[in-house]
């Protein structure tokens, strides 16, 4: 199963139950990690299984309550980034949140027009996103991802919000993203 094979909509109780079972089965088959990547992969699946069990418990305790059932937890942040559109137009942006599958981006009207000449990011359009993350031990890494526009919203006269889904990363970027998310979730495994 790849990063793009998973649904992004809210999950039902049955879907959460199935995912917990699938994650627990996957963990049983992973075995003991022999590299740092395998350790981070195992840690990610353990953390995700824990989050799914918590979501499932919250849903069962209060079926009518609004429970965040996103596929992956969203991490709030505020870092500078740059996007480049399919026609080569580039602009400075702010990355406002980050998840395993995508990011939320804030941009100005001028930035939107630089990347999207009609000032509208059409769902399905591809673009490139570059930004830096500070990992544990003050290590800073640059990430570059090819993305697909998931949604584009006009917030106010000069402000826009863009949601993107990651398609691929350059040079181990996906591994750095996993490390960052685990650090933010304060994984203690």
N, C-alpha and C. Protein backbone atom coordinates (compact mmCIF):
# COMPACT_ATOMS: atom_id res chain seq x y z
N UNK A 1 0.85 -1.17 0.00
CA UNK A 1 0.00 0.00 0.00
C UNK A 1 0.90 1.23 0.00
N UNK A 2 0.68 2.14 -0.93
CA UNK A 2 1.50 3.34 -1.01
C UNK A 2 0.80 4.49 -0.32
N UNK A 3 1.51 5.59 -0.19
CA UNK A 3 0.99 6.78 0.48
C UNK A 3 -0.27 7.31 -0.19
N UNK A 4 -0.42 7.08 -1.49
CA UNK A 4 -1.56 7.62 -2.23
C UNK A 4 -2.73 6.64 -2.36
N UNK A 5 -2.59 5.43 -1.79
CA UNK A 5 -3.66 4.45 -1.87
C UNK A 5 -4.69 4.61 -0.77
N UNK A 6 -4.43 5.52 0.18
CA UNK A 6 -5.27 5.64 1.35
C UNK A 6 -6.28 6.77 1.18
N UNK A 7 -7.51 6.58 1.67
CA UNK A 7 -8.52 7.63 1.55
C UNK A 7 -8.19 8.79 2.49
N UNK A 8 -8.67 9.99 2.15
CA UNK A 8 -8.39 11.14 3.00
C UNK A 8 -9.64 11.65 3.71
N UNK A 9 -10.80 11.11 3.43
CA UNK A 9 -12.03 11.58 4.05
C UNK A 9 -12.14 11.06 5.48
N UNK A 10 -13.12 11.57 6.23
CA UNK A 10 -13.36 11.07 7.57
C UNK A 10 -13.70 9.60 7.52
N UNK A 11 -13.30 8.90 8.56
CA UNK A 11 -13.46 7.45 8.59
C UNK A 11 -14.63 7.05 9.47
N UNK A 12 -15.35 6.02 9.08
CA UNK A 12 -16.46 5.51 9.87
C UNK A 12 -15.91 4.58 10.96
N UNK A 13 -16.78 4.16 11.88
CA UNK A 13 -16.36 3.24 12.93
C UNK A 13 -15.85 1.93 12.33
N UNK A 14 -16.53 1.44 11.31
CA UNK A 14 -16.10 0.19 10.66
C UNK A 14 -14.72 0.38 10.01
N UNK A 15 -14.52 1.50 9.33
CA UNK A 15 -13.23 1.75 8.69
C UNK A 15 -12.11 1.88 9.72
N UNK A 16 -12.40 2.56 10.84
CA UNK A 16 -11.40 2.67 11.90
C UNK A 16 -11.06 1.29 12.46
N UNK A 17 -12.08 0.46 12.69
CA UNK A 17 -11.85 -0.89 13.21
C UNK A 17 -11.00 -1.70 12.24
N UNK A 18 -11.31 -1.60 10.95
CA UNK A 18 -10.54 -2.34 9.94
C UNK A 18 -9.11 -1.83 9.88
N UNK A 19 -8.91 -0.52 10.00
CA UNK A 19 -7.56 0.02 9.95
C UNK A 19 -6.73 -0.40 11.16
N UNK A 20 -7.35 -0.41 12.34
CA UNK A 20 -6.62 -0.86 13.53
C UNK A 20 -6.17 -2.30 13.34
N UNK A 21 -7.06 -3.15 12.84
CA UNK A 21 -6.71 -4.55 12.61
C UNK A 21 -5.59 -4.67 11.57
N UNK A 22 -5.69 -3.90 10.49
CA UNK A 22 -4.67 -3.94 9.43
C UNK A 22 -3.33 -3.45 9.95
N UNK A 23 -3.32 -2.36 10.73
CA UNK A 23 -2.08 -1.84 11.29
C UNK A 23 -1.44 -2.83 12.26
N UNK A 24 -2.26 -3.46 13.10
CA UNK A 24 -1.72 -4.45 14.03
C UNK A 24 -1.16 -5.65 13.29
N UNK A 25 -1.82 -6.07 12.22
CA UNK A 25 -1.30 -7.18 11.40
C UNK A 25 0.01 -6.78 10.73
N UNK A 26 0.06 -5.58 10.20
CA UNK A 26 1.29 -5.10 9.56
C UNK A 26 2.44 -5.06 10.56
N UNK A 27 2.16 -4.61 11.78
CA UNK A 27 3.20 -4.56 12.81
C UNK A 27 3.71 -5.96 13.17
N UNK A 28 2.80 -6.94 13.20
CA UNK A 28 3.22 -8.32 13.49
C UNK A 28 4.19 -8.83 12.42
N UNK A 29 4.00 -8.41 11.17
CA UNK A 29 4.83 -8.91 10.07
C UNK A 29 6.11 -8.11 9.86
N UNK A 30 6.23 -6.94 10.48
CA UNK A 30 7.43 -6.13 10.27
C UNK A 30 8.67 -6.74 10.90
N UNK A 31 8.51 -7.42 12.01
CA UNK A 31 9.68 -7.99 12.67
C UNK A 31 10.52 -6.91 13.34
N UNK A 32 11.70 -7.30 13.79
CA UNK A 32 12.59 -6.36 14.45
C UNK A 32 13.28 -5.47 13.42
N UNK A 33 13.27 -4.16 13.65
CA UNK A 33 13.92 -3.25 12.70
C UNK A 33 15.44 -3.43 12.71
N UNK A 34 16.04 -3.35 11.51
CA UNK A 34 17.48 -3.48 11.40
C UNK A 34 18.14 -2.20 10.89
N UNK A 35 17.35 -1.17 10.60
CA UNK A 35 17.91 0.10 10.15
C UNK A 35 17.08 1.23 10.76
N UNK A 36 17.63 2.43 10.70
CA UNK A 36 16.90 3.58 11.27
C UNK A 36 15.60 3.82 10.49
N UNK A 37 15.62 3.59 9.18
CA UNK A 37 14.39 3.77 8.40
C UNK A 37 13.34 2.77 8.85
N UNK A 38 13.72 1.50 9.04
CA UNK A 38 12.76 0.48 9.49
C UNK A 38 12.25 0.80 10.89
N UNK A 39 13.12 1.34 11.76
CA UNK A 39 12.67 1.71 13.09
C UNK A 39 11.63 2.83 12.99
N UNK A 40 11.91 3.84 12.15
CA UNK A 40 10.96 4.95 12.01
C UNK A 40 9.66 4.47 11.38
N UNK A 41 9.75 3.56 10.44
CA UNK A 41 8.55 3.00 9.81
C UNK A 41 7.71 2.28 10.86
N UNK A 42 8.35 1.43 11.68
CA UNK A 42 7.64 0.71 12.74
C UNK A 42 7.02 1.71 13.72
N UNK A 43 7.80 2.72 14.12
CA UNK A 43 7.32 3.72 15.07
C UNK A 43 6.12 4.48 14.50
N UNK A 44 6.17 4.78 13.20
CA UNK A 44 5.06 5.47 12.58
C UNK A 44 3.79 4.63 12.64
N UNK A 45 3.90 3.34 12.27
CA UNK A 45 2.72 2.47 12.28
C UNK A 45 2.21 2.25 13.70
N UNK A 46 3.12 2.15 14.69
CA UNK A 46 2.68 2.01 16.09
C UNK A 46 1.93 3.25 16.54
N UNK A 47 2.47 4.42 16.19
CA UNK A 47 1.82 5.68 16.57
C UNK A 47 0.47 5.82 15.88
N UNK A 48 0.41 5.49 14.61
CA UNK A 48 -0.85 5.58 13.88
C UNK A 48 -1.88 4.60 14.45
N UNK A 49 -1.46 3.39 14.80
CA UNK A 49 -2.39 2.42 15.40
C UNK A 49 -2.92 2.96 16.74
N UNK A 50 -2.04 3.58 17.52
CA UNK A 50 -2.46 4.16 18.81
C UNK A 50 -3.49 5.27 18.59
N UNK A 51 -3.23 6.14 17.60
CA UNK A 51 -4.18 7.22 17.30
C UNK A 51 -5.51 6.65 16.83
N UNK A 52 -5.48 5.64 15.97
CA UNK A 52 -6.72 5.01 15.48
C UNK A 52 -7.51 4.39 16.64
N UNK A 53 -6.82 3.72 17.57
CA UNK A 53 -7.53 3.14 18.73
C UNK A 53 -8.17 4.24 19.57
N UNK A 54 -7.47 5.38 19.76
CA UNK A 54 -8.03 6.50 20.51
C UNK A 54 -9.24 7.09 19.80
N UNK A 55 -9.16 7.23 18.47
CA UNK A 55 -10.29 7.76 17.70
C UNK A 55 -11.48 6.82 17.79
N UNK A 56 -11.21 5.53 17.69
CA UNK A 56 -12.27 4.53 17.76
C UNK A 56 -12.94 4.56 19.13
N UNK A 57 -12.15 4.64 20.19
CA UNK A 57 -12.70 4.70 21.55
C UNK A 57 -13.55 5.95 21.73
N UNK A 58 -13.06 7.10 21.26
CA UNK A 58 -13.82 8.35 21.37
C UNK A 58 -15.13 8.26 20.60
N UNK A 59 -15.09 7.65 19.44
CA UNK A 59 -16.29 7.50 18.62
C UNK A 59 -17.30 6.57 19.30
N UNK A 60 -16.81 5.50 19.89
CA UNK A 60 -17.71 4.55 20.58
C UNK A 60 -18.31 5.14 21.84
N UNK A 61 -17.55 5.98 22.55
CA UNK A 61 -18.05 6.58 23.78
C UNK A 61 -19.11 7.64 23.50
N UNK A 62 -18.97 8.33 22.39
CA UNK A 62 -19.91 9.39 22.05
C UNK A 62 -20.12 9.42 20.54
N UNK A 63 -20.99 8.54 20.02
CA UNK A 63 -21.17 8.42 18.57
C UNK A 63 -21.59 9.72 17.88
N UNK A 64 -22.25 10.62 18.59
CA UNK A 64 -22.72 11.85 17.97
C UNK A 64 -21.70 12.99 18.05
N UNK A 65 -20.66 12.80 18.86
CA UNK A 65 -19.65 13.85 19.01
C UNK A 65 -18.82 13.96 17.74
N UNK A 66 -18.32 15.16 17.51
CA UNK A 66 -17.46 15.37 16.35
C UNK A 66 -16.05 14.89 16.72
N UNK A 67 -15.61 13.84 16.07
CA UNK A 67 -14.29 13.26 16.32
C UNK A 67 -13.45 13.47 15.07
N UNK A 68 -12.23 13.97 15.26
CA UNK A 68 -11.34 14.13 14.11
C UNK A 68 -10.90 12.75 13.65
N UNK A 69 -11.39 12.35 12.49
CA UNK A 69 -11.10 11.01 11.98
C UNK A 69 -10.31 11.08 10.68
N UNK A 70 -9.47 12.08 10.56
CA UNK A 70 -8.64 12.16 9.36
C UNK A 70 -7.75 10.94 9.27
N UNK A 71 -7.35 10.64 8.06
CA UNK A 71 -6.49 9.48 7.82
C UNK A 71 -5.19 9.59 8.60
N UNK A 72 -4.59 10.76 8.65
CA UNK A 72 -3.34 10.97 9.36
C UNK A 72 -3.44 12.26 10.16
N UNK A 73 -2.79 12.33 11.32
CA UNK A 73 -2.84 13.56 12.12
C UNK A 73 -2.20 14.72 11.37
N UNK A 74 -2.74 15.89 11.59
CA UNK A 74 -2.25 17.11 10.97
C UNK A 74 -1.42 17.86 12.02
N UNK A 75 -0.23 18.30 11.62
CA UNK A 75 0.68 19.01 12.51
C UNK A 75 0.68 20.49 12.12
N UNK A 76 0.32 21.35 13.08
CA UNK A 76 0.33 22.79 12.81
C UNK A 76 1.77 23.30 12.83
N UNK A 77 2.10 24.16 11.89
CA UNK A 77 3.42 24.79 11.86
C UNK A 77 3.33 26.07 11.05
N UNK A 78 4.39 26.80 11.03
CA UNK A 78 4.45 28.04 10.26
C UNK A 78 5.87 28.19 9.75
N UNK A 79 6.12 27.66 8.56
CA UNK A 79 7.45 27.74 7.96
C UNK A 79 7.35 28.32 6.56
N UNK A 80 8.41 28.99 6.16
CA UNK A 80 8.48 29.55 4.82
C UNK A 80 8.65 28.42 3.81
N UNK A 81 8.08 28.61 2.65
CA UNK A 81 8.23 27.63 1.59
C UNK A 81 8.14 28.32 0.25
N UNK A 82 8.28 27.53 -0.79
CA UNK A 82 8.15 28.04 -2.15
C UNK A 82 7.40 27.02 -2.97
N UNK A 83 6.47 27.49 -3.79
CA UNK A 83 5.78 26.60 -4.71
C UNK A 83 6.10 27.04 -6.13
N UNK A 84 6.12 26.05 -7.00
CA UNK A 84 6.33 26.30 -8.42
C UNK A 84 5.23 25.60 -9.18
N UNK A 85 4.52 26.34 -10.01
CA UNK A 85 3.41 25.80 -10.76
C UNK A 85 3.85 25.06 -12.01
N UNK A 86 2.89 24.45 -12.69
CA UNK A 86 3.20 23.67 -13.89
C UNK A 86 3.80 24.51 -15.03
N UNK A 87 3.52 25.80 -15.03
CA UNK A 87 4.04 26.67 -16.09
C UNK A 87 5.34 27.36 -15.68
N UNK A 88 5.91 26.99 -14.52
CA UNK A 88 7.17 27.56 -14.07
C UNK A 88 7.05 28.77 -13.18
N UNK A 89 5.84 29.29 -12.98
CA UNK A 89 5.66 30.42 -12.07
C UNK A 89 5.92 29.98 -10.64
N UNK A 90 6.68 30.79 -9.88
CA UNK A 90 7.03 30.43 -8.51
C UNK A 90 6.63 31.54 -7.56
N UNK A 91 6.45 31.18 -6.29
CA UNK A 91 6.08 32.17 -5.29
C UNK A 91 6.46 31.69 -3.90
N UNK A 92 6.72 32.66 -3.02
CA UNK A 92 6.97 32.38 -1.61
C UNK A 92 5.62 32.16 -0.92
N UNK A 93 5.57 31.17 -0.03
CA UNK A 93 4.33 30.83 0.68
C UNK A 93 4.67 30.50 2.14
N UNK A 94 3.64 30.25 2.94
CA UNK A 94 3.80 29.76 4.31
C UNK A 94 3.14 28.39 4.37
N UNK A 95 3.86 27.40 4.90
CA UNK A 95 3.29 26.07 5.11
C UNK A 95 2.64 26.12 6.49
N UNK A 96 1.31 25.98 6.55
CA UNK A 96 0.55 26.17 7.79
C UNK A 96 0.30 24.87 8.54
N UNK A 97 0.22 23.76 7.82
CA UNK A 97 0.07 22.48 8.49
C UNK A 97 0.62 21.39 7.58
N UNK A 98 0.87 20.25 8.21
CA UNK A 98 1.56 19.17 7.52
C UNK A 98 1.03 17.84 8.02
N UNK A 99 0.86 16.91 7.12
CA UNK A 99 0.47 15.54 7.47
C UNK A 99 1.26 14.60 6.57
N UNK A 100 1.12 13.33 6.80
CA UNK A 100 1.86 12.36 6.00
C UNK A 100 1.52 12.46 4.52
N UNK A 101 0.29 12.79 4.22
CA UNK A 101 -0.15 12.79 2.81
C UNK A 101 -0.18 14.15 2.16
N UNK A 102 -0.05 15.24 2.94
CA UNK A 102 -0.17 16.54 2.30
C UNK A 102 0.10 17.69 3.23
N UNK A 103 -0.21 18.90 2.74
CA UNK A 103 0.06 20.11 3.51
C UNK A 103 -0.99 21.17 3.22
N UNK A 104 -1.15 22.08 4.17
CA UNK A 104 -1.98 23.26 4.00
C UNK A 104 -1.05 24.45 3.81
N UNK A 105 -1.30 25.25 2.81
CA UNK A 105 -0.40 26.34 2.44
C UNK A 105 -1.17 27.66 2.42
N UNK A 106 -0.56 28.69 2.97
CA UNK A 106 -1.12 30.04 2.92
C UNK A 106 -0.35 30.84 1.88
N UNK A 107 -1.08 31.59 1.05
CA UNK A 107 -0.41 32.40 0.04
C UNK A 107 -1.19 33.68 -0.20
N UNK A 108 -0.49 34.67 -0.69
CA UNK A 108 -1.11 35.96 -0.99
C UNK A 108 -1.71 35.93 -2.39
N UNK A 109 -2.48 36.96 -2.68
CA UNK A 109 -3.07 37.10 -4.02
C UNK A 109 -1.96 37.16 -5.07
N UNK A 110 -0.91 37.92 -4.79
CA UNK A 110 0.20 38.05 -5.73
C UNK A 110 0.88 36.70 -5.97
N UNK A 111 1.08 35.93 -4.89
CA UNK A 111 1.69 34.60 -5.02
C UNK A 111 0.78 33.67 -5.82
N UNK A 112 -0.52 33.74 -5.55
CA UNK A 112 -1.47 32.89 -6.28
C UNK A 112 -1.43 33.20 -7.78
N UNK A 113 -1.36 34.46 -8.12
CA UNK A 113 -1.31 34.85 -9.54
C UNK A 113 0.00 34.45 -10.21
N UNK A 114 1.09 34.42 -9.43
CA UNK A 114 2.39 34.01 -9.98
C UNK A 114 2.37 32.54 -10.37
N UNK A 115 1.72 31.73 -9.54
CA UNK A 115 1.72 30.29 -9.76
C UNK A 115 0.54 29.85 -10.62
N UNK A 116 -0.61 30.46 -10.38
CA UNK A 116 -1.84 30.14 -11.11
C UNK A 116 -2.30 31.42 -11.81
N UNK A 117 -2.00 31.58 -13.09
CA UNK A 117 -2.30 32.85 -13.79
C UNK A 117 -3.74 33.31 -13.66
N UNK A 118 -4.69 32.40 -13.52
CA UNK A 118 -6.09 32.81 -13.37
C UNK A 118 -6.45 33.02 -11.90
N UNK A 119 -5.44 32.98 -10.99
CA UNK A 119 -5.61 33.14 -9.54
C UNK A 119 -6.51 32.06 -8.96
N UNK A 120 -6.55 30.90 -9.61
CA UNK A 120 -7.34 29.78 -9.09
C UNK A 120 -6.52 28.51 -9.24
N UNK A 121 -6.33 27.83 -8.14
CA UNK A 121 -5.63 26.55 -8.18
C UNK A 121 -6.67 25.47 -8.40
N UNK A 122 -6.68 24.91 -9.57
CA UNK A 122 -7.69 23.89 -9.89
C UNK A 122 -7.29 22.55 -9.29
N UNK A 123 -8.22 21.88 -8.61
CA UNK A 123 -7.91 20.55 -8.09
C UNK A 123 -7.37 19.65 -9.21
N UNK A 124 -6.32 18.94 -8.87
CA UNK A 124 -5.69 18.05 -9.83
C UNK A 124 -4.45 18.63 -10.48
N UNK A 125 -4.29 19.96 -10.44
CA UNK A 125 -3.08 20.57 -11.00
C UNK A 125 -1.89 20.12 -10.18
N UNK A 126 -0.74 19.98 -10.83
CA UNK A 126 0.47 19.59 -10.10
C UNK A 126 1.36 20.80 -9.88
N UNK A 127 2.13 20.75 -8.82
CA UNK A 127 3.09 21.80 -8.50
C UNK A 127 4.20 21.21 -7.65
N UNK A 128 5.22 21.99 -7.45
CA UNK A 128 6.35 21.59 -6.63
C UNK A 128 6.35 22.43 -5.37
N UNK A 129 6.59 21.82 -4.21
CA UNK A 129 6.65 22.52 -2.94
C UNK A 129 8.01 22.27 -2.31
N UNK A 130 8.66 23.34 -1.89
CA UNK A 130 9.93 23.24 -1.18
C UNK A 130 9.81 23.95 0.15
N UNK A 131 10.33 23.32 1.21
CA UNK A 131 10.32 23.94 2.53
C UNK A 131 11.35 23.23 3.41
N UNK A 132 11.64 23.81 4.56
CA UNK A 132 12.62 23.24 5.49
C UNK A 132 11.93 22.89 6.79
N UNK A 133 12.38 21.78 7.38
CA UNK A 133 11.89 21.35 8.69
C UNK A 133 13.07 21.21 9.64
N UNK A 134 12.84 21.55 10.89
CA UNK A 134 13.86 21.35 11.91
C UNK A 134 13.52 20.06 12.66
N UNK A 135 14.41 19.09 12.52
CA UNK A 135 14.23 17.81 13.19
C UNK A 135 14.83 17.87 14.59
N UNK A 136 14.71 16.79 15.34
CA UNK A 136 15.31 16.72 16.67
C UNK A 136 16.81 16.97 16.55
N UNK A 137 17.41 17.39 17.62
CA UNK A 137 18.84 17.69 17.68
C UNK A 137 19.21 18.84 16.75
N UNK A 138 18.26 19.73 16.49
CA UNK A 138 18.48 20.95 15.72
C UNK A 138 18.93 20.70 14.29
N UNK A 139 18.73 19.51 13.78
CA UNK A 139 19.06 19.21 12.38
C UNK A 139 17.98 19.82 11.50
N UNK A 140 18.39 20.58 10.51
CA UNK A 140 17.43 21.18 9.58
C UNK A 140 17.57 20.50 8.22
N UNK A 141 16.44 20.09 7.66
CA UNK A 141 16.45 19.41 6.37
C UNK A 141 15.55 20.16 5.39
N UNK A 142 15.96 20.15 4.14
CA UNK A 142 15.16 20.73 3.07
C UNK A 142 14.37 19.61 2.40
N UNK A 143 13.11 19.86 2.17
CA UNK A 143 12.27 18.89 1.49
C UNK A 143 11.74 19.49 0.20
N UNK A 144 11.65 18.66 -0.81
CA UNK A 144 11.03 19.04 -2.08
C UNK A 144 10.07 17.93 -2.45
N UNK A 145 8.82 18.31 -2.70
CA UNK A 145 7.79 17.33 -3.02
C UNK A 145 7.02 17.77 -4.26
N UNK A 146 6.72 16.81 -5.11
CA UNK A 146 5.77 17.05 -6.18
C UNK A 146 4.39 16.82 -5.57
N UNK A 147 3.47 17.71 -5.85
CA UNK A 147 2.16 17.69 -5.20
C UNK A 147 1.05 17.84 -6.22
N UNK A 148 -0.14 17.50 -5.75
CA UNK A 148 -1.36 17.69 -6.53
C UNK A 148 -2.27 18.60 -5.71
N UNK A 149 -2.84 19.61 -6.35
CA UNK A 149 -3.76 20.51 -5.66
C UNK A 149 -5.02 19.74 -5.28
N UNK A 150 -5.36 19.73 -3.99
CA UNK A 150 -6.57 19.07 -3.52
C UNK A 150 -7.73 20.06 -3.44
N UNK A 151 -7.43 21.28 -2.99
CA UNK A 151 -8.43 22.33 -2.91
C UNK A 151 -7.75 23.70 -2.87
N UNK A 152 -8.50 24.74 -3.19
CA UNK A 152 -8.00 26.10 -3.24
C UNK A 152 -9.11 27.01 -2.74
N UNK A 153 -8.84 27.80 -1.69
CA UNK A 153 -9.88 28.66 -1.11
C UNK A 153 -9.42 30.10 -1.02
N UNK A 154 -10.32 30.99 -1.30
CA UNK A 154 -10.10 32.42 -1.17
C UNK A 154 -10.57 32.79 0.23
N UNK A 155 -9.63 33.20 1.11
CA UNK A 155 -9.98 33.52 2.49
C UNK A 155 -10.43 34.97 2.66
N UNK A 156 -9.71 35.88 2.03
CA UNK A 156 -10.05 37.29 2.08
C UNK A 156 -9.50 37.93 0.80
N UNK A 157 -9.58 39.24 0.72
CA UNK A 157 -9.16 39.92 -0.50
C UNK A 157 -7.75 39.51 -0.92
N UNK A 158 -6.81 39.47 0.02
CA UNK A 158 -5.41 39.18 -0.32
C UNK A 158 -4.91 37.83 0.16
N UNK A 159 -5.73 37.02 0.74
CA UNK A 159 -5.26 35.77 1.33
C UNK A 159 -5.98 34.55 0.75
N UNK A 160 -5.17 33.55 0.47
CA UNK A 160 -5.67 32.28 -0.07
C UNK A 160 -5.12 31.13 0.74
N UNK A 161 -5.80 30.02 0.69
CA UNK A 161 -5.34 28.79 1.33
C UNK A 161 -5.40 27.68 0.29
N UNK A 162 -4.36 26.88 0.27
CA UNK A 162 -4.21 25.83 -0.73
C UNK A 162 -3.93 24.52 -0.01
N UNK A 163 -4.65 23.47 -0.36
CA UNK A 163 -4.39 22.14 0.17
C UNK A 163 -3.75 21.29 -0.91
N UNK A 164 -2.64 20.65 -0.58
CA UNK A 164 -1.96 19.81 -1.57
C UNK A 164 -1.78 18.39 -1.02
N UNK A 165 -1.76 17.45 -1.93
CA UNK A 165 -1.49 16.05 -1.61
C UNK A 165 -0.11 15.71 -2.17
N UNK A 166 0.74 15.11 -1.33
CA UNK A 166 2.08 14.75 -1.79
C UNK A 166 1.99 13.58 -2.77
N UNK A 167 2.72 13.71 -3.87
CA UNK A 167 2.81 12.63 -4.86
C UNK A 167 4.14 11.90 -4.73
N UNK A 168 5.22 12.67 -4.57
CA UNK A 168 6.55 12.07 -4.42
C UNK A 168 7.49 13.09 -3.79
N UNK A 169 8.59 12.58 -3.22
CA UNK A 169 9.60 13.42 -2.58
C UNK A 169 10.95 13.19 -3.24
N UNK A 170 11.82 14.18 -3.15
CA UNK A 170 13.20 14.05 -3.60
C UNK A 170 14.09 13.63 -2.42
N UNK A 171 15.07 12.83 -2.68
CA UNK A 171 16.19 12.55 -1.77
C UNK A 171 15.80 12.22 -0.33
N UNK A 172 15.00 11.22 -0.12
CA UNK A 172 14.66 10.78 1.23
C UNK A 172 13.71 11.70 1.98
N UNK A 173 13.04 12.57 1.28
CA UNK A 173 12.14 13.53 1.93
C UNK A 173 11.02 12.88 2.71
N UNK A 174 10.50 11.76 2.21
CA UNK A 174 9.40 11.09 2.90
C UNK A 174 9.88 10.59 4.27
N UNK A 175 11.10 10.08 4.34
CA UNK A 175 11.66 9.62 5.61
C UNK A 175 11.81 10.78 6.59
N UNK A 176 12.29 11.94 6.11
CA UNK A 176 12.41 13.12 6.97
C UNK A 176 11.03 13.58 7.45
N UNK A 177 10.03 13.51 6.58
CA UNK A 177 8.68 13.89 6.97
C UNK A 177 8.16 12.98 8.08
N UNK A 178 8.37 11.66 7.96
CA UNK A 178 7.96 10.72 9.00
C UNK A 178 8.64 11.06 10.32
N UNK A 179 9.95 11.33 10.26
CA UNK A 179 10.70 11.66 11.48
C UNK A 179 10.11 12.90 12.14
N UNK A 180 9.82 13.91 11.33
CA UNK A 180 9.27 15.15 11.86
C UNK A 180 7.91 14.91 12.53
N UNK A 181 7.05 14.17 11.86
CA UNK A 181 5.72 13.89 12.41
C UNK A 181 5.84 13.11 13.72
N UNK A 182 6.70 12.09 13.75
CA UNK A 182 6.89 11.33 14.99
C UNK A 182 7.41 12.22 16.11
N UNK A 183 8.35 13.11 15.81
CA UNK A 183 8.86 14.03 16.83
C UNK A 183 7.74 14.92 17.35
N UNK A 184 6.88 15.42 16.46
CA UNK A 184 5.77 16.28 16.86
C UNK A 184 4.73 15.53 17.69
N UNK A 185 4.52 14.25 17.36
CA UNK A 185 3.57 13.44 18.12
C UNK A 185 4.17 12.93 19.41
N UNK A 186 5.47 13.25 19.61
CA UNK A 186 6.20 12.87 20.81
C UNK A 186 6.14 11.37 21.05
N UNK A 187 6.51 10.63 20.01
CA UNK A 187 6.53 9.17 20.09
C UNK A 187 7.52 8.73 21.14
N UNK A 188 7.11 7.84 22.03
CA UNK A 188 7.98 7.42 23.12
C UNK A 188 8.36 5.95 23.03
N UNK A 189 8.34 5.35 21.84
CA UNK A 189 8.63 3.93 21.67
C UNK A 189 10.02 3.67 21.56
